[in-house]
C-alpha atoms as a PDB file:
ATOM      1  CA  MET A   1     128.639 117.419 116.961  1.00  0.00           C
ATOM      2  CA  ASN A   2     126.892 114.578 118.717  1.00  0.00           C
ATOM      3  CA  LYS A   3     124.007 114.668 116.111  1.00  0.00           C
ATOM      4  CA  ILE A   4     126.592 114.681 113.225  1.00  0.00           C
ATOM      5  CA  PHE A   5     128.475 111.713 114.772  1.00  0.00           C
ATOM      6  CA  LEU A   6     125.261 109.622 115.175  1.00  0.00           C
ATOM      7  CA  ILE A   7     124.133 110.347 111.686  1.00  0.00           C
ATOM      8  CA  LEU A   8     127.681 109.197 110.207  1.00  0.00           C
ATOM      9  CA  LEU A   9     127.483 106.098 112.420  1.00  0.00           C
ATOM     10  CA  THR A  10     123.906 105.355 111.052  1.00  0.00           C
ATOM     11  CA  ILE A  11     125.191 105.836 107.388  1.00  0.00           C
ATOM     12  CA  ILE A  12     128.172 103.476 107.903  1.00  0.00           C
ATOM     13  CA  PHE A  13     125.921 100.873 109.675  1.00  0.00           C
ATOM     14  CA  VAL A  14     123.284 101.010 106.835  1.00  0.00           C
ATOM     15  CA  VAL A  15     125.735 100.783 103.990  1.00  0.00           C
ATOM     16  CA  GLY A  16     127.608  98.016 105.823  1.00  0.00           C
ATOM     17  CA  LEU A  17     124.454  95.972 106.050  1.00  0.00           C
ATOM     18  CA  ILE A  18     123.650  96.672 102.419  1.00  0.00           C
ATOM     19  CA  PHE A  19     127.040  95.281 101.081  1.00  0.00           C
ATOM     20  CA  ILE A  20     126.944  92.344 103.702  1.00  0.00           C
ATOM     21  CA  ASN A  21     123.626  91.419 102.257  1.00  0.00           C
ATOM     22  CA  LEU A  22     124.732  91.857  98.659  1.00  0.00           C
ATOM     23  CA  PHE A  23     127.957  89.815  99.053  1.00  0.00           C
ATOM     24  CA  ALA A  24     125.985  86.975 100.907  1.00  0.00           C
ATOM     25  CA  ASN A  25     123.727  86.605  98.037  1.00  0.00           C
ATOM     26  CA  ILE A  26     126.583  86.000  95.433  1.00  0.00           C
ATOM     27  CA  LYS A  27     126.418  82.426  94.155  1.00  0.00           C
ATOM     28  CA  LEU A  28     129.594  81.353  92.447  1.00  0.00           C
ATOM     29  CA  LYS A  29     128.991  78.877  89.756  1.00  0.00           C
ATOM     30  CA  SER A  30     132.209  76.973  90.417  1.00  0.00           C
ATOM     31  CA  PRO A  31     135.539  77.156  92.211  1.00  0.00           C
ATOM     32  CA  LYS A  32     136.917  78.537  88.990  1.00  0.00           C
ATOM     33  CA  THR A  33     134.794  81.624  88.991  1.00  0.00           C
ATOM     34  CA  ASN A  34     137.160  84.469  87.841  1.00  0.00           C
ATOM     35  CA  ILE A  35     137.249  88.176  88.960  1.00  0.00           C
ATOM     36  CA  LYS A  36     135.546  89.231  85.683  1.00  0.00           C
ATOM     37  CA  GLU A  37     132.466  87.187  86.574  1.00  0.00           C
ATOM     38  CA  LEU A  38     132.564  88.402  90.103  1.00  0.00           C
ATOM     39  CA  VAL A  39     132.580  92.027  89.073  1.00  0.00           C
ATOM     40  CA  TYR A  40     129.760  91.677  86.611  1.00  0.00           C
ATOM     41  CA  SER A  41     127.600  89.728  89.065  1.00  0.00           C
ATOM     42  CA  ASN A  42     124.175  91.425  89.373  1.00  0.00           C
ATOM     43  CA  SER A  43     124.402  90.770  93.149  1.00  0.00           C
ATOM     44  CA  LEU A  44     126.964  93.429  93.571  1.00  0.00           C
ATOM     45  CA  TYR A  45     124.560  96.241  92.312  1.00  0.00           C
ATOM     46  CA  ILE A  46     121.708  97.851  94.189  1.00  0.00           C
ATOM     47  CA  ASN A  47     118.414  97.155  92.365  1.00  0.00           C
ATOM     48  CA  THR A  48     116.620 100.536  92.528  1.00  0.00           C
ATOM     49  CA  ARG A  49     113.324  98.750  92.184  1.00  0.00           C
ATOM     50  CA  ASP A  50     114.039  97.075  95.447  1.00  0.00           C
ATOM     51  CA  ASP A  51     111.435  98.785  97.693  1.00  0.00           C
ATOM     52  CA  THR A  52     113.216  97.590 100.914  1.00  0.00           C
ATOM     53  CA  VAL A  53     116.529  99.189  99.917  1.00  0.00           C
ATOM     54  CA  GLU A  54     114.897 102.343  98.633  1.00  0.00           C
ATOM     55  CA  ASN A  55     112.819 102.813 101.801  1.00  0.00           C
ATOM     56  CA  LEU A  56     115.815 102.276 103.986  1.00  0.00           C
ATOM     57  CA  LEU A  57     117.766 104.993 102.223  1.00  0.00           C
ATOM     58  CA  GLU A  58     114.703 107.414 102.075  1.00  0.00           C
ATOM     59  CA  ASP A  59     114.338 106.867 105.922  1.00  0.00           C
ATOM     60  CA  LEU A  60     117.948 107.692 106.289  1.00  0.00           C
ATOM     61  CA  ARG A  61     117.771 110.735 104.189  1.00  0.00           C
ATOM     62  CA  LEU A  62     114.828 112.090 106.174  1.00  0.00           C
ATOM     63  CA  LYS A  63     116.597 111.446 109.438  1.00  0.00           C
ATOM     64  CA  VAL A  64     119.571 113.519 108.223  1.00  0.00           C
ATOM     65  CA  ILE A  65     117.156 116.314 107.278  1.00  0.00           C
ATOM     66  CA  ARG A  66     115.401 116.223 110.472  1.00  0.00           C
ATOM     67  CA  ASN A  67     118.651 116.640 112.559  1.00  0.00           C
ATOM     68  CA  LEU A  68     120.319 119.395 110.492  1.00  0.00           C
ATOM     69  CA  ASP A  69     120.589 122.768 111.943  1.00  0.00           C
ATOM     70  CA  ARG A  70     120.620 124.385 108.454  1.00  0.00           C
ATOM     71  CA  LEU A  71     117.479 124.916 106.469  1.00  0.00           C
ATOM     72  CA  VAL A  72     116.641 122.149 103.862  1.00  0.00           C
ATOM     73  CA  ILE A  73     113.971 122.615 101.294  1.00  0.00           C
ATOM     74  CA  SER A  74     112.510 119.664  99.426  1.00  0.00           C
ATOM     75  CA  ASP A  75     109.723 118.897  96.930  1.00  0.00           C
ATOM     76  CA  TYR A  76     107.158 116.377  98.030  1.00  0.00           C
ATOM     77  CA  THR A  77     104.358 114.684  95.976  1.00  0.00           C
ATOM     78  CA  TYR A  78     101.157 114.324  97.977  1.00  0.00           C
ATOM     79  CA  LYS A  79      99.610 110.726  98.070  1.00  0.00           C
ATOM     80  CA  ASN A  80      95.886 109.979  98.351  1.00  0.00           C
ATOM     81  CA  ASN A  81      94.506 110.509 101.801  1.00  0.00           C
ATOM     82  CA  GLU A  82      97.975 111.097 103.327  1.00  0.00           C
ATOM     83  CA  SER A  83      98.051 112.790 106.616  1.00  0.00           C
ATOM     84  CA  LEU A  84      99.743 116.251 106.775  1.00  0.00           C
ATOM     85  CA  ASN A  85     100.830 115.252 110.410  1.00  0.00           C
ATOM     86  CA  THR A  86     102.700 112.389 108.999  1.00  0.00           C
ATOM     87  CA  ILE A  87     104.431 114.466 106.441  1.00  0.00           C
ATOM     88  CA  ALA A  88     105.315 117.118 108.989  1.00  0.00           C
ATOM     89  CA  SER A  89     106.823 114.401 111.384  1.00  0.00           C
ATOM     90  CA  MET A  90     108.977 113.041 108.450  1.00  0.00           C
ATOM     91  CA  TYR A  91     110.590 116.456 108.072  1.00  0.00           C
ATOM     92  CA  GLY A  92     110.665 117.590 111.668  1.00  0.00           C
ATOM     93  CA  THR A  93     108.282 120.417 111.149  1.00  0.00           C
ATOM     94  CA  ASP A  94     104.451 120.980 111.762  1.00  0.00           C
ATOM     95  CA  VAL A  95     101.206 121.094 109.751  1.00  0.00           C
ATOM     96  CA  ASN A  96     100.830 124.856 110.052  1.00  0.00           C
ATOM     97  CA  THR A  97     104.305 125.291 108.511  1.00  0.00           C
ATOM     98  CA  ILE A  98     103.287 123.061 105.394  1.00  0.00           C
ATOM     99  CA  CYS A  99      99.831 124.827 105.046  1.00  0.00           C
ATOM    100  CA  SER A 100     101.359 128.333 105.259  1.00  0.00           C
ATOM    101  CA  THR A 101     104.259 127.708 102.902  1.00  0.00           C
ATOM    102  CA  ASN A 102     101.823 125.917 100.323  1.00  0.00           C
ATOM    103  CA  TYR A 103      98.890 128.161 101.030  1.00  0.00           C
ATOM    104  CA  ILE A 104      96.651 125.287 101.801  1.00  0.00           C
ATOM    105  CA  GLU A 105      93.466 126.771 103.021  1.00  0.00           C
ATOM    106  CA  ALA A 106      91.707 123.462 103.443  1.00  0.00           C
ATOM    107  CA  ILE A 107      92.831 119.879 103.856  1.00  0.00           C
ATOM    108  CA  GLY A 108      89.944 118.927 101.582  1.00  0.00           C
ATOM    109  CA  LEU A 109      91.534 120.757  98.633  1.00  0.00           C
ATOM    110  CA  LEU A 110      94.582 118.334  98.575  1.00  0.00           C
ATOM    111  CA  TYR A 111      94.649 115.720  95.821  1.00  0.00           C
ATOM    112  CA  THR A 112      96.956 112.847  94.715  1.00  0.00           C
ATOM    113  CA  GLY A 113     100.011 114.189  92.862  1.00  0.00           C
ATOM    114  CA  LYS A 114      99.922 117.662  94.213  1.00  0.00           C
ATOM    115  CA  ARG A 115     103.473 119.151  94.561  1.00  0.00           C
ATOM    116  CA  LEU A 116     104.271 120.469  97.975  1.00  0.00           C
ATOM    117  CA  VAL A 117     107.211 122.443  99.101  1.00  0.00           C
ATOM    118  CA  VAL A 118     108.452 121.205 102.584  1.00  0.00           C
ATOM    119  CA  HIS A 119     111.282 122.215 104.773  1.00  0.00           C
ATOM    120  CA  ASN A 120     112.778 121.173 108.229  1.00  0.00           C
ATOM    121  CA  LYS A 121     112.209 124.311 110.036  1.00  0.00           C
ATOM    122  CA  ARG A 122     108.895 125.729 111.538  1.00  0.00           C
ATOM    123  CA  GLY A 123     107.713 128.927 109.933  1.00  0.00           C
ATOM    124  CA  LEU A 124     106.793 130.234 106.545  1.00  0.00           C
ATOM    125  CA  LEU A 125     108.718 129.847 103.353  1.00  0.00           C
ATOM    126  CA  TYR A 126     107.885 133.016 101.459  1.00  0.00           C
ATOM    127  CA  LYS A 127     108.477 133.455  97.804  1.00  0.00           C
ATOM    128  CA  VAL A 128     109.793 136.865  96.864  1.00  0.00           C
ATOM    129  CA  LYS A 129     107.479 138.952  94.655  1.00  0.00           C
ATOM    130  CA  PRO A 130     108.621 141.518  91.997  1.00  0.00           C
ATOM    131  CA  GLY A 131     109.711 144.726  93.625  1.00  0.00           C
ATOM    132  CA  GLU A 132     110.151 143.221  97.165  1.00  0.00           C
ATOM    133  CA  THR A 133     113.440 143.573  99.031  1.00  0.00           C
ATOM    134  CA  LEU A 134     114.792 142.198 102.318  1.00  0.00           C
ATOM    135  CA  THR A 135     113.706 145.489 103.995  1.00  0.00           C
ATOM    136  CA  THR A 136     110.065 145.303 102.798  1.00  0.00           C
ATOM    137  CA  ILE A 137     109.831 141.617 103.671  1.00  0.00           C
ATOM    138  CA  ALA A 138     111.299 142.235 107.077  1.00  0.00           C
ATOM    139  CA  LYS A 139     108.879 145.012 107.795  1.00  0.00           C
ATOM    140  CA  LYS A 140     105.924 142.946 106.379  1.00  0.00           C
ATOM    141  CA  PHE A 141     106.534 140.009 108.853  1.00  0.00           C
ATOM    142  CA  LYS A 142     107.832 142.355 111.655  1.00  0.00           C
ATOM    143  CA  LYS A 143     111.327 140.767 111.741  1.00  0.00           C
ATOM    144  CA  SER A 144     114.760 142.342 111.654  1.00  0.00           C
ATOM    145  CA  GLU A 145     116.942 142.109 108.451  1.00  0.00           C
ATOM    146  CA  GLU A 146     119.682 140.456 110.508  1.00  0.00           C
ATOM    147  CA  GLU A 147     117.348 137.868 111.883  1.00  0.00           C
ATOM    148  CA  LEU A 148     116.256 136.935 108.325  1.00  0.00           C
ATOM    149  CA  LEU A 149     119.810 136.867 106.991  1.00  0.00           C
ATOM    150  CA  LEU A 150     120.837 134.757 109.887  1.00  0.00           C
ATOM    151  CA  ALA A 151     117.787 132.278 109.546  1.00  0.00           C
ATOM    152  CA  ASN A 152     118.562 131.849 105.815  1.00  0.00           C
ATOM    153  CA  ASP A 153     122.357 131.459 106.323  1.00  0.00           C
ATOM    154  CA  LYS A 154     123.043 134.549 103.990  1.00  0.00           C
ATOM    155  CA  PRO A 155     125.823 137.054 104.250  1.00  0.00           C
ATOM    156  CA  GLY A 156     125.158 140.713 105.310  1.00  0.00           C
ATOM    157  CA  ILE A 157     125.154 142.109 101.778  1.00  0.00           C
ATOM    158  CA  TYR A 158     122.824 139.438 100.265  1.00  0.00           C
ATOM    159  CA  GLU A 159     119.934 140.589  98.158  1.00  0.00           C
ATOM    160  CA  PHE A 160     117.016 138.168  97.650  1.00  0.00           C
ATOM    161  CA  GLN A 161     115.786 137.808  94.023  1.00  0.00           C
ATOM    162  CA  THR A 162     112.209 137.592  92.601  1.00  0.00           C
ATOM    163  CA  GLY A 163     111.023 134.079  92.857  1.00  0.00           C
ATOM    164  CA  GLU A 164     113.544 133.010  95.568  1.00  0.00           C
ATOM    165  CA  TYR A 165     112.326 131.632  98.932  1.00  0.00           C
ATOM    166  CA  VAL A 166     112.874 133.387 102.198  1.00  0.00           C
ATOM    167  CA  TYR A 167     112.480 131.569 105.401  1.00  0.00           C
ATOM    168  CA  ILE A 168     110.599 133.435 107.987  1.00  0.00           C
ATOM    169  CA  PRO A 169     111.033 131.717 111.419  1.00  0.00           C
ATOM    170  CA  GLY A 170     107.847 131.409 113.609  1.00  0.00           C
ATOM    171  CA  ALA A 171     105.625 133.118 110.932  1.00  0.00           C
ATOM    172  CA  TYR A 172     102.281 131.423 109.821  1.00  0.00           C
ATOM    173  CA  LEU A 173      99.435 132.361 107.529  1.00  0.00           C
ATOM    174  CA  ARG A 174      96.073 132.467 109.371  1.00  0.00           C
ATOM    175  CA  PHE A 175      93.096 131.210 107.271  1.00  0.00           C
ATOM    176  CA  LYS A 176      89.417 131.877 108.182  1.00  0.00           C
ATOM    177  CA  ASP A 177      87.404 129.015 109.687  1.00  0.00           C
ATOM    178  CA  PHE A 178      84.927 129.180 106.746  1.00  0.00           C
ATOM    179  CA  MET A 179      85.550 129.198 102.925  1.00  0.00           C
ATOM    180  CA  VAL A 180      83.333 129.927  99.939  1.00  0.00           C
ATOM    181  CA  PRO A 181      81.972 126.495  98.999  1.00  0.00           C
ATOM    182  CA  MET A 182      82.552 126.810  95.234  1.00  0.00           C
ATOM    183  CA  PHE A 183      85.558 128.090  93.084  1.00  0.00           C
ATOM    184  CA  ASN A 184      84.741 131.051  90.820  1.00  0.00           C
ATOM    185  CA  SER A 185      81.187 131.407  91.841  1.00  0.00           C
ATOM    186  CA  LYS A 186      79.129 134.726  91.782  1.00  0.00           C
ATOM    187  CA  ILE A 187      76.557 135.804  94.333  1.00  0.00           C
ATOM    188  CA  THR A 188      73.121 136.283  92.392  1.00  0.00           C
ATOM    189  CA  SER A 189      71.086 136.784  95.451  1.00  0.00           C
ATOM    190  CA  GLY A 190      72.171 138.125  98.830  1.00  0.00           C
ATOM    191  CA  PHE A 191      71.114 137.703 102.395  1.00  0.00           C
ATOM    192  CA  GLY A 192      68.142 139.458 103.723  1.00  0.00           C
ATOM    193  CA  ASN A 193      64.682 140.584 102.488  1.00  0.00           C
ATOM    194  CA  ARG A 194      63.976 140.089  98.613  1.00  0.00           C
ATOM    195  CA  ILE A 195      61.153 139.475  96.288  1.00  0.00           C
ATOM    196  CA  HIS A 196      60.876 135.699  95.928  1.00  0.00           C
ATOM    197  CA  PRO A 197      61.764 134.675  92.404  1.00  0.00           C
ATOM    198  CA  ILE A 198      58.888 131.995  92.218  1.00  0.00           C
ATOM    199  CA  PHE A 199      56.247 133.338  94.581  1.00  0.00           C
ATOM    200  CA  GLY A 200      56.734 137.003  93.769  1.00  0.00           C
ATOM    201  CA  VAL A 201      56.278 138.121  97.350  1.00  0.00           C
ATOM    202  CA  LEU A 202      58.700 139.864  99.773  1.00  0.00           C
ATOM    203  CA  LYS A 203      60.416 137.083 101.830  1.00  0.00           C
ATOM    204  CA  PHE A 204      63.663 136.945 103.948  1.00  0.00           C
ATOM    205  CA  HIS A 205      66.434 135.062 102.084  1.00  0.00           C
ATOM    206  CA  GLU A 206      68.183 133.230 104.963  1.00  0.00           C
ATOM    207  CA  GLY A 207      71.355 132.550 102.784  1.00  0.00           C
ATOM    208  CA  ILE A 208      73.007 133.598  99.575  1.00  0.00           C
ATOM    209  CA  ASP A 209      72.684 132.062  96.126  1.00  0.00           C
ATOM    210  CA  LEU A 210      75.933 131.234  94.283  1.00  0.00           C
ATOM    211  CA  LYS A 211      75.844 130.770  90.585  1.00  0.00           C
ATOM    212  CA  GLN A 212      77.832 128.028  88.777  1.00  0.00           C
ATOM    213  CA  LYS A 213      77.333 125.535  86.095  1.00  0.00           C
ATOM    214  CA  TYR A 214      75.245 122.463  86.646  1.00  0.00           C
ATOM    215  CA  GLY A 215      77.317 119.637  88.254  1.00  0.00           C
ATOM    216  CA  THR A 216      80.091 121.940  89.640  1.00  0.00           C
ATOM    217  CA  PRO A 217      81.523 120.395  92.810  1.00  0.00           C
ATOM    218  CA  VAL A 218      80.272 121.906  95.935  1.00  0.00           C
ATOM    219  CA  ARG A 219      82.656 121.769  99.013  1.00  0.00           C
ATOM    220  CA  ALA A 220      82.422 121.843 102.686  1.00  0.00           C
ATOM    221  CA  SER A 221      82.794 125.328 103.921  1.00  0.00           C
ATOM    222  CA  CYS A 222      84.378 124.141 107.271  1.00  0.00           C
ATOM    223  CA  ASP A 223      85.335 120.963 109.023  1.00  0.00           C
ATOM    224  CA  GLY A 224      82.306 119.274 110.348  1.00  0.00           C
ATOM    225  CA  LYS A 225      79.801 116.316 110.690  1.00  0.00           C
ATOM    226  CA  VAL A 226      76.947 115.578 108.172  1.00  0.00           C
ATOM    227  CA  ILE A 227      73.732 115.665 110.199  1.00  0.00           C
ATOM    228  CA  PHE A 228      71.304 115.711 107.203  1.00  0.00           C
ATOM    229  CA  ALA A 229      71.696 114.459 103.693  1.00  0.00           C
ATOM    230  CA  GLY A 230      68.512 114.024 101.667  1.00  0.00           C
ATOM    231  CA  TRP A 231      65.340 115.968 100.351  1.00  0.00           C
ATOM    232  CA  ALA A 232      63.867 118.902 102.084  1.00  0.00           C
ATOM    233  CA  GLU A 233      61.001 121.050 100.917  1.00  0.00           C
ATOM    234  CA  GLY A 234      62.074 124.125  99.058  1.00  0.00           C
ATOM    235  CA  TYR A 235      65.735 123.139  99.291  1.00  0.00           C
ATOM    236  CA  GLY A 236      65.440 120.063  97.103  1.00  0.00           C
ATOM    237  CA  LYS A 237      68.519 117.797  97.702  1.00  0.00           C
ATOM    238  CA  LEU A 238      70.053 119.310 100.799  1.00  0.00           C
ATOM    239  CA  VAL A 239      73.188 118.684 102.955  1.00  0.00           C
ATOM    240  CA  ILE A 240      73.506 120.128 106.381  1.00  0.00           C
ATOM    241  CA  LEU A 241      76.905 120.120 108.330  1.00  0.00           C
ATOM    242  CA  LYS A 242      77.355 120.768 112.004  1.00  0.00           C
ATOM    243  CA  HIS A 243      80.524 122.703 113.027  1.00  0.00           C
ATOM    244  CA  PHE A 244      82.225 124.216 116.154  1.00  0.00           C
ATOM    245  CA  LYS A 245      80.516 126.791 118.428  1.00  0.00           C
ATOM    246  CA  GLY A 246      76.945 126.096 117.252  1.00  0.00           C
ATOM    247  CA  TYR A 247      77.535 126.768 113.653  1.00  0.00           C
ATOM    248  CA  THR A 248      75.616 124.782 110.948  1.00  0.00           C
ATOM    249  CA  THR A 249      76.018 125.181 107.139  1.00  0.00           C
ATOM    250  CA  TYR A 250      73.202 124.341 104.518  1.00  0.00           C
ATOM    251  CA  TYR A 251      73.833 123.462 100.888  1.00  0.00           C
ATOM    252  CA  GLY A 252      70.569 123.388  98.971  1.00  0.00           C
ATOM    253  CA  HIS A 253      69.385 122.597  95.446  1.00  0.00           C
ATOM    254  CA  LEU A 254      71.962 119.975  94.772  1.00  0.00           C
ATOM    255  CA  SER A 255      71.828 117.604  91.773  1.00  0.00           C
ATOM    256  CA  LYS A 256      73.860 115.012  93.738  1.00  0.00           C
ATOM    257  CA  ILE A 257      74.681 114.204  97.249  1.00  0.00           C
ATOM    258  CA  ARG A 258      78.110 112.699  97.863  1.00  0.00           C
ATOM    259  CA  VAL A 259      78.145 112.308 101.638  1.00  0.00           C
ATOM    260  CA  LYS A 260      76.122 110.257 104.231  1.00  0.00           C
ATOM    261  CA  VAL A 261      74.678 111.212 107.592  1.00  0.00           C
ATOM    262  CA  GLY A 262      77.089 110.642 110.503  1.00  0.00           C
ATOM    263  CA  THR A 263      80.323 111.046 108.511  1.00  0.00           C
ATOM    264  CA  TYR A 264      83.013 113.750 109.196  1.00  0.00           C
ATOM    265  CA  VAL A 265      84.205 115.925 106.291  1.00  0.00           C
ATOM    266  CA  ASN A 266      87.097 118.169 105.901  1.00  0.00           C
ATOM    267  CA  LYS A 267      87.043 121.802 104.984  1.00  0.00           C
ATOM    268  CA  GLY A 268      87.120 121.843 101.088  1.00  0.00           C
ATOM    269  CA  GLN A 269      85.959 118.299 100.691  1.00  0.00           C
ATOM    270  CA  ILE A 270      83.414 117.625  97.914  1.00  0.00           C
ATOM    271  CA  ILE A 271      79.919 116.944  99.432  1.00  0.00           C
ATOM    272  CA  GLY A 272      77.831 117.263  96.434  1.00  0.00           C
ATOM    273  CA  ASN A 273      77.175 118.991  93.041  1.00  0.00           C
ATOM    274  CA  VAL A 274      75.360 122.028  91.886  1.00  0.00           C
ATOM    275  CA  GLY A 275      71.721 121.396  90.653  1.00  0.00           C
ATOM    276  CA  ALA A 276      68.273 122.925  90.369  1.00  0.00           C
ATOM    277  CA  THR A 277      66.182 120.744  92.717  1.00  0.00           C
ATOM    278  CA  GLY A 278      63.529 122.224  94.876  1.00  0.00           C
ATOM    279  CA  TRP A 279      62.203 125.677  94.461  1.00  0.00           C
ATOM    280  CA  THR A 280      64.539 127.217  91.945  1.00  0.00           C
ATOM    281  CA  THR A 281      64.658 128.958  88.644  1.00  0.00           C
ATOM    282  CA  GLY A 282      67.867 127.375  87.444  1.00  0.00           C
ATOM    283  CA  PRO A 283      71.239 125.713  88.577  1.00  0.00           C
ATOM    284  CA  HIS A 284      72.889 127.276  91.507  1.00  0.00           C
ATOM    285  CA  LEU A 285      73.734 126.605  95.238  1.00  0.00           C
ATOM    286  CA  HIS A 286      71.763 128.035  97.988  1.00  0.00           C
ATOM    287  CA  PHE A 287      74.096 128.434 100.924  1.00  0.00           C
ATOM    288  CA  GLU A 288      73.401 129.223 104.555  1.00  0.00           C
ATOM    289  CA  VAL A 289      75.267 129.719 107.672  1.00  0.00           C
ATOM    290  CA  ARG A 290      73.456 129.549 111.082  1.00  0.00           C
ATOM    291  CA  LYS A 291      74.589 130.252 114.577  1.00  0.00           C
ATOM    292  CA  ASN A 292      72.642 128.374 117.221  1.00  0.00           C
ATOM    293  CA  GLY A 293      69.960 127.948 114.644  1.00  0.00           C
ATOM    294  CA  VAL A 294      69.733 131.625 113.671  1.00  0.00           C
ATOM    295  CA  PRO A 295      70.658 132.611 110.043  1.00  0.00           C
ATOM    296  CA  VAL A 296      73.618 134.860 109.681  1.00  0.00           C
ATOM    297  CA  ASP A 297      75.130 136.525 106.631  1.00  0.00           C
ATOM    298  CA  PRO A 298      77.678 134.042 105.210  1.00  0.00           C
ATOM    299  CA  ARG A 299      79.689 136.980 103.772  1.00  0.00           C
ATOM    300  CA  LYS A 300      80.627 137.852 107.369  1.00  0.00           C
ATOM    301  CA  VAL A 301      82.287 134.417 108.008  1.00  0.00           C
ATOM    302  CA  PHE A 302      84.250 134.083 104.750  1.00  0.00           C
END
């Protein structure tokens, strides 16, 4: 009740300020100004292009959403380089909730104009798939049916429909630390011993080769710092990233390098483009993962 009372007081105060400001700006042409002129005065109407008024109303809307006990679901359009922490605080939730609901595996995959589903409660907003029921969903997330009905403010006989959202309190998706650095790529040469395609001798392959078209964006497999960006024998144009717990990743044969040494990059961020520089028979990405300097099979960390 105290929260609702404070919200109502805030609304009354803001609306009062708006109307005081509007009436204060009315300039009567003469003492003979009639009611008709007053009613049709532009000063009486809120200009929706006034950023100050719009921002004030938006802040008020978000404050109401944050303080409501019931679940509120909203659409949000992502802006360039916007922090997910900022968005989460606006709606009274957390970054894990936003990433889980929108299946955001990596911050670097976000782009301006991307539509996000945000809500004011912490946990997963799960979209019902064909054939799923409340029973199967509750079992999947190890929740009771009663708990889910209560969390979603639904009656005991309610049946969720395909495409409908179900709020799962306290549930989050867990993404792996590393991701495949290119979309829709195919492994053409695996990790381990192989006949070298140029020299024709048995040689240990310290990474994997991923096939994609020339110029395809190459993305950081994990959050990290650029410790090398330049030319290296055999690798051609190469980027090396340093990660947590002694991990490093190598991105070789690039046609273009898009990062500089010393910069930090997000998982999923574009760091270069597929090329055919160095010792190679055609366009592809040579990708390595090393642990304390020792090569490991990348497929074990994806």
